[in-house]
N, C-alpha and C. Protein backbone atom coordinates (compact mmCIF):
# COMPACT_ATOMS: atom_id res chain seq x y z
N MET A 1 -7.44 13.46 -19.30
CA MET A 1 -7.21 13.03 -17.92
C MET A 1 -6.20 13.96 -17.26
N ASP A 2 -6.57 14.43 -16.11
CA ASP A 2 -5.68 15.28 -15.33
C ASP A 2 -4.96 14.40 -14.31
N VAL A 3 -4.68 14.92 -13.15
CA VAL A 3 -4.00 14.16 -12.10
C VAL A 3 -5.05 13.51 -11.20
N ILE A 4 -4.90 12.23 -10.93
CA ILE A 4 -5.78 11.52 -10.00
C ILE A 4 -5.04 11.35 -8.69
N ASN A 5 -5.65 11.80 -7.61
CA ASN A 5 -5.02 11.80 -6.29
C ASN A 5 -5.80 10.85 -5.39
N THR A 6 -5.13 9.81 -4.86
CA THR A 6 -5.79 8.89 -3.92
C THR A 6 -4.85 8.58 -2.76
N ILE A 7 -5.42 7.92 -1.75
CA ILE A 7 -4.65 7.59 -0.55
C ILE A 7 -4.84 6.11 -0.23
N GLY A 8 -3.81 5.50 0.32
CA GLY A 8 -3.89 4.10 0.76
C GLY A 8 -3.22 3.98 2.12
N ARG A 9 -3.79 3.14 2.97
CA ARG A 9 -3.23 2.95 4.31
C ARG A 9 -3.08 1.47 4.62
N ARG A 10 -2.08 1.15 5.45
CA ARG A 10 -1.87 -0.21 5.94
C ARG A 10 -1.04 -0.11 7.20
N LYS A 11 -1.57 -0.62 8.32
CA LYS A 11 -0.92 -0.48 9.63
C LYS A 11 -0.64 1.00 9.89
N ALA A 12 0.63 1.38 10.07
CA ALA A 12 0.95 2.78 10.33
C ALA A 12 1.40 3.52 9.07
N ALA A 13 1.41 2.84 7.93
CA ALA A 13 1.90 3.44 6.68
C ALA A 13 0.77 4.17 5.95
N VAL A 14 1.09 5.34 5.41
CA VAL A 14 0.14 6.13 4.62
C VAL A 14 0.80 6.48 3.29
N ALA A 15 0.13 6.14 2.19
CA ALA A 15 0.66 6.43 0.86
C ALA A 15 -0.30 7.36 0.13
N ARG A 16 0.24 8.50 -0.33
CA ARG A 16 -0.54 9.43 -1.15
C ARG A 16 0.02 9.35 -2.56
N ILE A 17 -0.82 9.09 -3.55
CA ILE A 17 -0.31 8.96 -4.92
C ILE A 17 -0.96 9.99 -5.83
N TYR A 18 -0.20 10.36 -6.87
CA TYR A 18 -0.66 11.27 -7.92
C TYR A 18 -0.40 10.54 -9.23
N MET A 19 -1.49 10.15 -9.92
CA MET A 19 -1.36 9.36 -11.14
C MET A 19 -1.74 10.19 -12.36
N THR A 20 -0.85 10.17 -13.36
CA THR A 20 -1.09 10.87 -14.61
C THR A 20 -0.79 9.93 -15.78
N LYS A 21 -1.27 10.30 -16.97
CA LYS A 21 -0.93 9.52 -18.17
C LYS A 21 0.56 9.65 -18.41
N GLY A 22 1.20 8.54 -18.81
CA GLY A 22 2.64 8.59 -19.03
C GLY A 22 3.19 7.29 -19.56
N LYS A 23 4.45 7.03 -19.19
CA LYS A 23 5.17 5.87 -19.72
C LYS A 23 5.31 4.72 -18.73
N GLY A 24 4.72 4.84 -17.54
CA GLY A 24 4.80 3.76 -16.56
C GLY A 24 5.86 3.96 -15.50
N ASN A 25 6.34 5.20 -15.31
CA ASN A 25 7.34 5.48 -14.28
C ASN A 25 6.66 5.55 -12.92
N ILE A 26 7.24 4.86 -11.94
CA ILE A 26 6.73 4.91 -10.57
C ILE A 26 7.83 5.51 -9.70
N THR A 27 7.54 6.69 -9.13
CA THR A 27 8.50 7.39 -8.28
C THR A 27 7.97 7.39 -6.86
N ILE A 28 8.79 6.90 -5.93
CA ILE A 28 8.39 6.83 -4.52
C ILE A 28 9.34 7.69 -3.71
N ASN A 29 8.82 8.70 -3.05
CA ASN A 29 9.61 9.66 -2.26
C ASN A 29 10.82 10.17 -3.05
N GLU A 30 10.56 10.60 -4.29
CA GLU A 30 11.57 11.12 -5.21
C GLU A 30 12.67 10.12 -5.57
N ARG A 31 12.39 8.82 -5.43
CA ARG A 31 13.34 7.78 -5.85
C ARG A 31 12.60 6.79 -6.74
N ASN A 32 13.34 6.09 -7.58
CA ASN A 32 12.76 5.07 -8.44
C ASN A 32 12.18 3.96 -7.56
N SER A 33 11.06 3.36 -7.99
CA SER A 33 10.42 2.32 -7.17
C SER A 33 11.32 1.11 -6.97
N ASN A 34 12.13 0.75 -7.99
CA ASN A 34 13.04 -0.39 -7.86
C ASN A 34 14.17 -0.10 -6.88
N GLU A 35 14.49 1.16 -6.71
CA GLU A 35 15.54 1.56 -5.76
C GLU A 35 14.97 1.63 -4.34
N TYR A 36 13.72 2.12 -4.21
CA TYR A 36 13.10 2.28 -2.90
C TYR A 36 12.67 0.92 -2.33
N PHE A 37 12.10 0.06 -3.18
CA PHE A 37 11.71 -1.29 -2.79
C PHE A 37 12.50 -2.29 -3.65
N PRO A 38 13.71 -2.69 -3.21
CA PRO A 38 14.57 -3.54 -4.06
C PRO A 38 14.16 -5.01 -4.13
N ILE A 39 13.34 -5.50 -3.20
CA ILE A 39 12.97 -6.91 -3.16
C ILE A 39 11.94 -7.20 -4.26
N PRO A 40 12.15 -8.28 -5.04
CA PRO A 40 11.25 -8.57 -6.17
C PRO A 40 9.77 -8.72 -5.78
N THR A 41 9.47 -9.31 -4.62
CA THR A 41 8.07 -9.47 -4.24
C THR A 41 7.41 -8.11 -3.99
N GLN A 42 8.19 -7.16 -3.45
CA GLN A 42 7.66 -5.81 -3.23
C GLN A 42 7.40 -5.12 -4.57
N GLN A 43 8.30 -5.29 -5.52
CA GLN A 43 8.11 -4.71 -6.85
C GLN A 43 6.89 -5.31 -7.53
N TYR A 44 6.69 -6.62 -7.34
CA TYR A 44 5.52 -7.29 -7.91
C TYR A 44 4.23 -6.72 -7.33
N LYS A 45 4.20 -6.52 -6.00
CA LYS A 45 3.00 -6.01 -5.34
C LYS A 45 2.63 -4.62 -5.84
N ILE A 46 3.63 -3.78 -6.11
CA ILE A 46 3.35 -2.42 -6.59
C ILE A 46 2.77 -2.46 -8.01
N LYS A 47 3.26 -3.38 -8.84
CA LYS A 47 2.80 -3.45 -10.23
C LYS A 47 1.57 -4.33 -10.41
N GLN A 48 1.15 -5.01 -9.36
CA GLN A 48 0.03 -5.95 -9.44
C GLN A 48 -1.28 -5.31 -9.93
N PRO A 49 -1.71 -4.13 -9.43
CA PRO A 49 -2.96 -3.55 -9.94
C PRO A 49 -2.91 -3.27 -11.45
N PHE A 50 -1.76 -2.81 -11.95
CA PHE A 50 -1.62 -2.53 -13.38
C PHE A 50 -1.70 -3.83 -14.19
N ALA A 51 -1.07 -4.90 -13.67
CA ALA A 51 -1.07 -6.19 -14.37
C ALA A 51 -2.48 -6.78 -14.45
N LEU A 52 -3.24 -6.67 -13.36
CA LEU A 52 -4.59 -7.24 -13.33
C LEU A 52 -5.56 -6.48 -14.23
N THR A 53 -5.32 -5.19 -14.42
CA THR A 53 -6.22 -4.39 -15.26
C THR A 53 -5.69 -4.22 -16.68
N GLY A 54 -4.48 -4.69 -16.95
CA GLY A 54 -3.91 -4.58 -18.29
C GLY A 54 -3.51 -3.17 -18.67
N THR A 55 -3.05 -2.40 -17.68
CA THR A 55 -2.68 -1.00 -17.93
C THR A 55 -1.20 -0.74 -17.65
N GLU A 56 -0.35 -1.77 -17.79
CA GLU A 56 1.09 -1.58 -17.54
C GLU A 56 1.65 -0.58 -18.53
N GLY A 57 2.48 0.33 -18.04
CA GLY A 57 3.17 1.28 -18.90
C GLY A 57 2.31 2.41 -19.44
N GLN A 58 1.11 2.61 -18.89
CA GLN A 58 0.24 3.66 -19.39
C GLN A 58 0.17 4.87 -18.47
N TYR A 59 0.56 4.71 -17.21
CA TYR A 59 0.42 5.79 -16.24
C TYR A 59 1.70 6.00 -15.45
N ASP A 60 2.01 7.26 -15.19
CA ASP A 60 3.10 7.62 -14.29
C ASP A 60 2.51 7.82 -12.91
N VAL A 61 3.21 7.32 -11.89
CA VAL A 61 2.73 7.42 -10.52
C VAL A 61 3.79 8.09 -9.67
N LYS A 62 3.41 9.15 -8.96
CA LYS A 62 4.29 9.81 -8.00
C LYS A 62 3.72 9.52 -6.62
N VAL A 63 4.54 8.94 -5.74
CA VAL A 63 4.06 8.48 -4.44
C VAL A 63 4.81 9.18 -3.31
N ASN A 64 4.04 9.63 -2.32
CA ASN A 64 4.62 10.07 -1.05
C ASN A 64 4.15 9.05 -0.01
N VAL A 65 5.10 8.31 0.56
CA VAL A 65 4.73 7.28 1.54
C VAL A 65 5.48 7.56 2.83
N ASP A 66 4.78 7.34 3.96
CA ASP A 66 5.34 7.69 5.25
C ASP A 66 4.82 6.73 6.31
N GLY A 67 5.65 6.41 7.29
CA GLY A 67 5.25 5.61 8.44
C GLY A 67 5.30 4.11 8.17
N GLY A 68 5.33 3.35 9.24
CA GLY A 68 5.30 1.90 9.14
C GLY A 68 6.59 1.30 8.61
N GLY A 69 6.53 0.03 8.25
CA GLY A 69 7.68 -0.67 7.69
C GLY A 69 7.53 -0.83 6.19
N THR A 70 8.45 -1.57 5.60
CA THR A 70 8.44 -1.68 4.13
C THR A 70 7.21 -2.43 3.62
N THR A 71 6.81 -3.51 4.27
CA THR A 71 5.65 -4.28 3.82
C THR A 71 4.38 -3.45 3.92
N GLY A 72 4.20 -2.75 5.02
CA GLY A 72 3.04 -1.88 5.18
C GLY A 72 3.02 -0.79 4.14
N GLN A 73 4.18 -0.23 3.83
CA GLN A 73 4.26 0.83 2.82
C GLN A 73 3.91 0.29 1.44
N VAL A 74 4.43 -0.90 1.09
CA VAL A 74 4.14 -1.49 -0.22
C VAL A 74 2.64 -1.73 -0.37
N GLU A 75 2.01 -2.27 0.65
CA GLU A 75 0.59 -2.58 0.57
C GLU A 75 -0.26 -1.32 0.57
N ALA A 76 0.21 -0.26 1.23
CA ALA A 76 -0.49 1.02 1.20
C ALA A 76 -0.43 1.62 -0.21
N VAL A 77 0.73 1.52 -0.85
CA VAL A 77 0.88 2.03 -2.23
C VAL A 77 -0.01 1.22 -3.17
N ARG A 78 -0.04 -0.09 -2.98
CA ARG A 78 -0.86 -0.96 -3.84
C ARG A 78 -2.35 -0.59 -3.73
N LEU A 79 -2.83 -0.34 -2.53
CA LEU A 79 -4.23 0.04 -2.33
C LEU A 79 -4.52 1.39 -2.99
N ALA A 80 -3.60 2.34 -2.85
CA ALA A 80 -3.80 3.66 -3.44
C ALA A 80 -3.84 3.58 -4.97
N ILE A 81 -2.96 2.77 -5.56
CA ILE A 81 -2.95 2.62 -7.02
C ILE A 81 -4.25 1.95 -7.48
N SER A 82 -4.71 0.95 -6.74
CA SER A 82 -5.96 0.27 -7.09
C SER A 82 -7.13 1.24 -7.05
N ARG A 83 -7.18 2.08 -6.03
CA ARG A 83 -8.26 3.07 -5.92
C ARG A 83 -8.21 4.07 -7.06
N ALA A 84 -7.01 4.47 -7.47
CA ALA A 84 -6.86 5.42 -8.58
C ALA A 84 -7.34 4.80 -9.89
N LEU A 85 -7.02 3.53 -10.11
CA LEU A 85 -7.45 2.85 -11.34
C LEU A 85 -8.97 2.72 -11.40
N VAL A 86 -9.60 2.45 -10.25
CA VAL A 86 -11.05 2.34 -10.20
C VAL A 86 -11.70 3.71 -10.44
N GLU A 87 -11.05 4.77 -9.94
CA GLU A 87 -11.55 6.13 -10.18
C GLU A 87 -11.49 6.45 -11.68
N LEU A 88 -10.46 5.94 -12.35
CA LEU A 88 -10.31 6.12 -13.79
C LEU A 88 -11.39 5.38 -14.56
N ASP A 89 -11.54 4.09 -14.25
CA ASP A 89 -12.50 3.23 -14.94
C ASP A 89 -13.16 2.29 -13.93
N PRO A 90 -14.42 2.51 -13.59
CA PRO A 90 -15.10 1.66 -12.59
C PRO A 90 -15.20 0.18 -12.99
N GLU A 91 -14.98 -0.14 -14.27
CA GLU A 91 -15.05 -1.54 -14.70
C GLU A 91 -13.86 -2.36 -14.19
N PHE A 92 -12.81 -1.70 -13.71
CA PHE A 92 -11.65 -2.41 -13.16
C PHE A 92 -11.93 -2.98 -11.76
N LYS A 93 -12.96 -2.46 -11.10
CA LYS A 93 -13.20 -2.82 -9.69
C LYS A 93 -13.41 -4.31 -9.45
N PRO A 94 -14.25 -5.02 -10.24
CA PRO A 94 -14.43 -6.46 -9.96
C PRO A 94 -13.13 -7.27 -10.06
N ALA A 95 -12.30 -6.97 -11.05
CA ALA A 95 -11.04 -7.71 -11.22
C ALA A 95 -10.11 -7.48 -10.05
N LEU A 96 -10.06 -6.24 -9.55
CA LEU A 96 -9.19 -5.92 -8.41
C LEU A 96 -9.76 -6.48 -7.11
N LYS A 97 -11.09 -6.45 -6.99
CA LYS A 97 -11.73 -6.91 -5.76
C LYS A 97 -11.56 -8.41 -5.55
N VAL A 98 -11.58 -9.19 -6.64
CA VAL A 98 -11.41 -10.64 -6.56
C VAL A 98 -10.06 -10.98 -5.93
N HIS A 99 -9.04 -10.19 -6.25
CA HIS A 99 -7.70 -10.44 -5.71
C HIS A 99 -7.46 -9.71 -4.38
N GLY A 100 -8.48 -9.07 -3.83
CA GLY A 100 -8.38 -8.43 -2.51
C GLY A 100 -7.63 -7.12 -2.50
N LEU A 101 -7.55 -6.44 -3.64
CA LEU A 101 -6.79 -5.19 -3.69
C LEU A 101 -7.62 -3.96 -3.38
N MET A 102 -8.93 -4.12 -3.25
CA MET A 102 -9.79 -2.97 -2.97
C MET A 102 -10.15 -2.88 -1.48
N THR A 103 -9.67 -3.83 -0.69
CA THR A 103 -10.01 -3.87 0.73
C THR A 103 -8.88 -3.30 1.57
N ARG A 104 -9.21 -2.37 2.45
CA ARG A 104 -8.23 -1.81 3.37
C ARG A 104 -8.06 -2.81 4.50
N ASP A 105 -6.85 -3.30 4.71
CA ASP A 105 -6.57 -4.30 5.75
C ASP A 105 -6.69 -3.63 7.12
N PRO A 106 -7.67 -4.02 7.94
CA PRO A 106 -7.91 -3.31 9.20
C PRO A 106 -6.99 -3.70 10.35
N ARG A 107 -6.15 -4.73 10.15
CA ARG A 107 -5.33 -5.21 11.26
C ARG A 107 -4.29 -4.18 11.69
N MET A 108 -4.30 -3.87 12.97
CA MET A 108 -3.36 -2.90 13.54
C MET A 108 -2.67 -3.55 14.74
N VAL A 109 -1.60 -2.94 15.20
CA VAL A 109 -0.88 -3.42 16.37
C VAL A 109 -1.75 -3.17 17.60
N GLU A 110 -1.89 -4.20 18.44
CA GLU A 110 -2.67 -4.06 19.66
C GLU A 110 -1.89 -3.23 20.67
N ARG A 111 -2.59 -2.36 21.39
CA ARG A 111 -1.88 -1.48 22.32
C ARG A 111 -1.39 -2.23 23.56
N LYS A 112 -0.34 -1.67 24.16
CA LYS A 112 0.21 -2.23 25.39
C LYS A 112 -0.70 -1.83 26.55
N LYS A 113 -1.01 -2.81 27.44
CA LYS A 113 -1.87 -2.51 28.59
C LYS A 113 -1.01 -2.23 29.82
N PRO A 114 -1.51 -1.36 30.71
CA PRO A 114 -0.76 -1.07 31.94
C PRO A 114 -0.73 -2.31 32.86
N GLY A 115 0.40 -2.50 33.53
CA GLY A 115 0.54 -3.64 34.42
C GLY A 115 0.92 -4.91 33.69
N GLN A 116 1.25 -4.79 32.40
CA GLN A 116 1.68 -5.94 31.61
C GLN A 116 2.96 -5.57 30.87
N LYS A 117 3.67 -6.64 30.43
CA LYS A 117 4.91 -6.40 29.70
C LYS A 117 4.65 -5.87 28.30
N LYS A 118 3.72 -6.53 27.59
CA LYS A 118 3.35 -6.11 26.23
C LYS A 118 1.83 -6.13 26.14
N ALA A 119 1.28 -6.25 24.93
CA ALA A 119 -0.17 -6.23 24.76
C ALA A 119 -0.84 -7.40 25.47
N ARG A 120 -0.23 -8.58 25.35
CA ARG A 120 -0.82 -9.78 25.97
C ARG A 120 0.10 -10.44 26.98
N LYS A 121 1.41 -10.25 26.82
CA LYS A 121 2.37 -10.88 27.72
C LYS A 121 2.29 -10.23 29.10
N LYS A 122 2.31 -11.07 30.12
CA LYS A 122 2.23 -10.57 31.49
C LYS A 122 3.60 -10.67 32.15
N PHE A 123 3.76 -9.97 33.26
CA PHE A 123 4.96 -10.14 34.07
C PHE A 123 4.90 -11.52 34.72
N GLN A 124 6.07 -12.10 35.03
CA GLN A 124 6.11 -13.44 35.62
C GLN A 124 5.40 -13.44 36.95
N PHE A 125 4.55 -14.48 37.16
CA PHE A 125 3.77 -14.59 38.38
C PHE A 125 4.45 -15.55 39.35
N SER A 126 4.64 -15.10 40.58
CA SER A 126 5.24 -15.94 41.60
C SER A 126 4.21 -16.21 42.69
N LYS A 127 3.90 -17.48 42.89
CA LYS A 127 2.87 -17.82 43.89
C LYS A 127 3.41 -17.64 45.30
N ARG A 128 4.68 -17.98 45.52
CA ARG A 128 5.27 -17.85 46.87
C ARG A 128 6.49 -16.97 46.86
């Protein structure tokens, strides 16, 4: 196995990962994953694809993530890792798909319209 390169997106966040055989180290933007995402739920989401496929501690992951907020970045990394695992072994796909890890979340921020305060909020209307 050489290096597997995949991409994951969520909202404005884009995660590019490089997965190789290793000891289970996850490096995000040249920092440890526990340091970059200190909240336990975020750490769980990153390790979720490995836990569902039973491959914890078998692969090293180097991640470049950019844009969006922390939740969008975590979910982008999770999608990229899931795609890499499926590229490795297609038999992992049903287990990941059941938990919704193979689907790119299409929800994006709605654009602001001209003549309005925000996407849907209007300026106050005065009848008289």
